[in-house]
Protein backbone atom coordinates (compact mmCIF):
# COMPACT_ATOMS: atom_id res chain seq x y z
CA MET A 1 38.06 7.74 -11.69
CA TYR A 2 36.35 9.97 -12.93
CA LEU A 3 32.99 9.45 -15.25
CA ALA A 4 31.56 12.28 -17.34
CA PRO A 5 27.79 12.67 -17.17
CA GLY A 6 26.18 10.84 -19.95
CA PRO A 7 22.74 11.32 -21.92
CA LEU A 8 20.78 8.94 -19.03
CA VAL A 9 21.71 11.14 -16.00
CA SER A 10 22.07 14.86 -17.93
CA ALA A 11 18.42 13.70 -17.79
CA PHE A 12 17.48 14.12 -14.45
CA ARG A 13 16.70 17.88 -12.74
CA TYR A 14 14.76 19.32 -10.43
CA ALA A 15 11.47 20.58 -10.73
CA TYR A 16 11.17 24.62 -11.29
CA PRO A 17 8.71 25.98 -9.12
CA GLY A 18 5.53 26.45 -10.61
CA GLU A 19 6.23 24.39 -13.03
CA SER A 20 3.86 21.28 -14.03
CA GLY A 21 5.12 17.66 -15.68
CA GLN A 22 7.03 14.79 -14.30
CA ARG A 23 8.58 14.58 -11.12
CA ASN A 24 10.18 12.82 -8.63
CA ASN A 25 11.78 10.28 -11.40
CA LEU A 26 13.86 8.66 -8.47
CA ARG A 27 11.87 7.45 -6.04
CA GLY A 28 13.38 5.27 -3.19
CA PRO A 29 11.87 2.53 -1.52
CA GLY A 30 8.69 2.70 0.83
CA CYS A 31 8.95 3.48 4.74
CA PHE A 32 7.77 0.85 7.15
CA GLY A 33 8.59 1.66 11.31
CA ALA A 34 6.44 0.10 14.29
CA ASP A 35 7.52 0.99 18.19
CA MET A 36 6.51 -1.69 21.29
CA SER A 37 6.07 -0.88 24.26
CA LEU A 38 5.73 -3.16 27.35
CA ALA A 39 4.50 -1.83 30.77
CA LYS A 40 3.57 -3.25 34.34
CA VAL A 41 2.31 -0.99 37.51
CA ARG A 42 3.02 -2.78 41.16
CA LYS A 43 1.08 -1.14 43.62
CA LEU A 44 3.25 -0.53 46.91
CA THR A 45 0.83 0.78 48.83
CA GLU A 46 -2.80 2.26 48.36
CA SER A 47 -1.58 5.50 47.13
CA GLN A 48 2.16 4.59 45.72
CA GLY A 49 2.91 2.37 42.89
CA LEU A 50 6.30 1.44 40.59
CA ARG A 51 5.44 1.36 36.94
CA PHE A 52 8.56 -0.62 35.09
CA SER A 53 8.37 -0.12 31.41
CA TRP A 54 9.89 -1.28 28.15
CA ASP A 55 9.88 0.55 25.27
CA VAL A 56 11.20 -0.50 21.31
CA PHE A 57 11.43 2.15 18.79
CA ASP A 58 11.56 0.54 15.27
CA VAL A 59 11.77 -3.27 16.17
CA THR A 60 12.07 -4.11 13.09
CA ASN A 61 15.14 -1.85 12.42
CA ALA A 62 13.65 -0.92 8.80
CA VAL A 63 15.88 0.95 6.86
CA ARG A 64 14.77 3.53 4.39
CA PHE A 65 17.56 5.03 2.26
CA ASP A 66 17.81 8.89 1.26
CA VAL A 67 17.39 9.27 -2.29
CA GLY A 68 18.67 12.76 -2.56
CA THR A 69 22.42 11.04 -1.81
CA LEU A 70 22.52 9.12 -4.94
CA ASN A 71 25.06 10.75 -6.83
CA GLN A 72 24.57 11.05 -10.25
CA TYR A 73 27.95 8.84 -11.03
CA LEU A 74 26.91 6.28 -9.07
CA LEU A 75 24.32 5.20 -12.06
CA TYR A 76 27.67 3.46 -14.13
CA GLY A 77 29.00 0.52 -13.38
CA THR A 78 28.59 -2.00 -10.89
CA THR A 79 27.39 0.75 -8.24
CA LEU A 80 23.80 1.06 -9.83
CA GLY A 81 21.80 2.19 -6.90
CA GLY A 82 24.06 2.73 -4.77
CA PHE A 83 22.90 4.95 -1.89
CA THR A 84 25.36 6.67 0.71
CA GLU A 85 23.26 7.65 3.81
CA THR A 86 19.63 6.66 4.93
CA LEU A 87 16.66 8.30 6.37
CA THR A 88 15.52 6.41 9.45
CA LYS A 89 17.69 5.52 12.83
CA ALA A 90 19.25 2.56 14.37
CA ARG A 91 16.65 0.49 16.79
CA VAL A 92 16.35 2.44 19.62
CA VAL A 93 15.61 0.66 23.09
CA GLN A 94 14.72 2.00 26.50
CA PHE A 95 13.91 0.65 30.12
CA GLY A 96 12.32 3.38 32.78
CA VAL A 97 10.48 3.17 36.31
CA ARG A 98 8.37 5.33 37.48
CA TYR A 99 7.40 6.28 41.21
CA SER A 100 4.15 7.66 41.69
CA PHE A 101 2.57 8.55 45.10
């Protein structure tokens, strides 16, 4: 189903270079991110050791939606405020072992 842009949608446009006035009419939700790391160092001898680490990026798995993917035709009907993409990546967990001598 095709919806022609109405007066509300046609009011939004990108600002021209050097233009002053109101900008960023459509703003998305804020961004929150927290990373965590846990490590344990174990000495094998006086000059050798092992380091075990566990790193988690984006612990809360917070999502930030991309306002640029808000299609102007999504402003009508039941899909008001619908986003098609996100700016953040999913939570990443990594384990590591380091041998030092």
